[in-house]
Amino acid sequence: MSVLWLLPIISSFVVVSLSKKNRVLKGLSLIFILSFLGPLTHFITGQFGAVIDFSSLSGLKVTFSIYLVLSSLTIGFGTFAGMLVKKGDS
């Protein structure tokens, strides 16, 4: 499961290194996408009857905060790495 946290790093790196304008904004906007889709998927899975760690709306708040912190770290790292590579090309 921890290998899946490499995907936001890779995606933000690719977005930043291939963008022409607003590279940092495009890279960091992925934080909000992951922070909303992850907890929403977790909540919907719980509503369908699967056993999840944090259930109900209070669990949605907990998973949102966890996803926000972890996605900020991973996507921030990928964005920074993409900026370093892009700066080296110029």
Protein backbone atom coordinates (compact mmCIF):
# COMPACT_ATOMS: atom_id res chain seq x y z
CA MET A 1 0.00 0.00 0.00
CA SER A 2 2.86 2.42 0.67
CA VAL A 3 3.97 2.14 -2.97
CA LEU A 4 0.72 3.86 -3.98
CA TRP A 5 1.93 7.05 -2.27
CA LEU A 6 4.61 7.28 -4.96
CA LEU A 7 1.96 7.94 -7.61
CA PRO A 8 1.20 11.54 -6.46
CA ILE A 9 4.93 12.27 -6.46
CA ILE A 10 5.26 10.98 -10.01
CA SER A 11 2.13 12.74 -11.26
CA SER A 12 3.06 16.12 -9.78
CA PHE A 13 6.61 15.75 -11.11
CA VAL A 14 5.30 15.05 -14.61
CA VAL A 15 2.78 17.92 -14.49
CA VAL A 16 5.38 20.44 -13.34
CA SER A 17 8.12 19.32 -15.69
CA LEU A 18 5.84 19.31 -18.78
CA SER A 19 3.95 22.54 -18.09
CA LYS A 20 4.87 25.77 -19.81
CA LYS A 21 3.09 28.24 -17.49
CA ASN A 22 1.88 28.20 -13.87
CA ARG A 23 3.87 25.07 -13.09
CA VAL A 24 3.70 25.35 -9.32
CA LEU A 25 -0.02 26.13 -9.32
CA LYS A 26 -0.77 23.14 -11.54
CA GLY A 27 1.38 20.84 -9.42
CA LEU A 28 -0.05 21.95 -6.10
CA SER A 29 -3.64 21.83 -7.36
CA LEU A 30 -3.30 18.05 -7.27
CA ILE A 31 -3.31 18.31 -3.47
CA PHE A 32 -6.96 19.37 -3.45
CA ILE A 33 -7.98 16.70 -5.93
CA LEU A 34 -6.41 13.93 -3.85
CA SER A 35 -7.60 15.43 -0.57
CA PHE A 36 -11.23 15.36 -1.69
CA LEU A 37 -11.36 12.17 -3.74
CA GLY A 38 -9.60 9.95 -1.20
CA PRO A 39 -11.92 10.61 1.75
CA LEU A 40 -14.97 10.64 -0.50
CA THR A 41 -14.09 7.18 -1.79
CA HIS A 42 -13.49 6.03 1.78
CA PHE A 43 -16.87 7.39 2.89
CA ILE A 44 -18.79 5.87 -0.04
CA THR A 45 -17.13 2.50 0.54
CA GLY A 46 -18.31 2.61 4.15
CA GLN A 47 -21.84 3.51 3.08
CA PHE A 48 -21.95 0.43 0.87
CA GLY A 49 -21.25 -1.75 3.90
CA ALA A 50 -17.52 -2.35 3.77
CA VAL A 51 -15.62 -2.39 7.04
CA ILE A 52 -13.59 0.82 7.28
CA ASP A 53 -11.50 2.39 10.03
CA PHE A 54 -13.36 5.68 10.44
CA SER A 55 -17.06 5.66 9.63
CA SER A 56 -19.69 8.41 9.42
CA LEU A 57 -19.09 12.11 8.85
CA SER A 58 -16.63 12.42 11.72
CA GLY A 59 -14.56 9.73 10.04
CA LEU A 60 -14.76 11.71 6.82
CA LYS A 61 -13.16 14.67 8.62
CA VAL A 62 -10.39 12.46 10.00
CA THR A 63 -9.59 10.88 6.65
CA PHE A 64 -9.68 14.29 4.97
CA SER A 65 -7.08 15.64 7.36
CA ILE A 66 -4.89 12.57 6.91
CA TYR A 67 -5.12 12.79 3.13
CA LEU A 68 -4.47 16.53 3.22
CA VAL A 69 -1.26 16.16 5.21
CA LEU A 70 0.07 13.17 3.30
CA SER A 71 -0.83 14.54 -0.13
CA SER A 72 0.71 17.90 0.76
CA LEU A 73 3.97 16.19 1.60
CA THR A 74 4.10 13.87 -1.39
CA ILE A 75 2.82 16.30 -4.01
CA GLY A 76 4.94 19.10 -2.57
CA PHE A 77 8.00 16.90 -2.92
CA GLY A 78 7.11 15.99 -6.51
CA THR A 79 6.46 19.63 -7.39
CA PHE A 80 9.77 20.71 -5.88
CA ALA A 81 11.63 17.94 -7.74
CA GLY A 82 9.92 18.92 -11.00
CA MET A 83 10.92 22.55 -10.51
CA LEU A 84 14.52 21.54 -9.90
CA VAL A 85 14.63 19.45 -13.06
CA LYS A 86 12.90 22.15 -15.11
CA LYS A 87 15.28 24.80 -13.76
CA GLY A 88 18.25 22.65 -14.77
CA ASP A 89 16.94 22.46 -18.35
CA SER A 90 16.66 26.23 -18.78
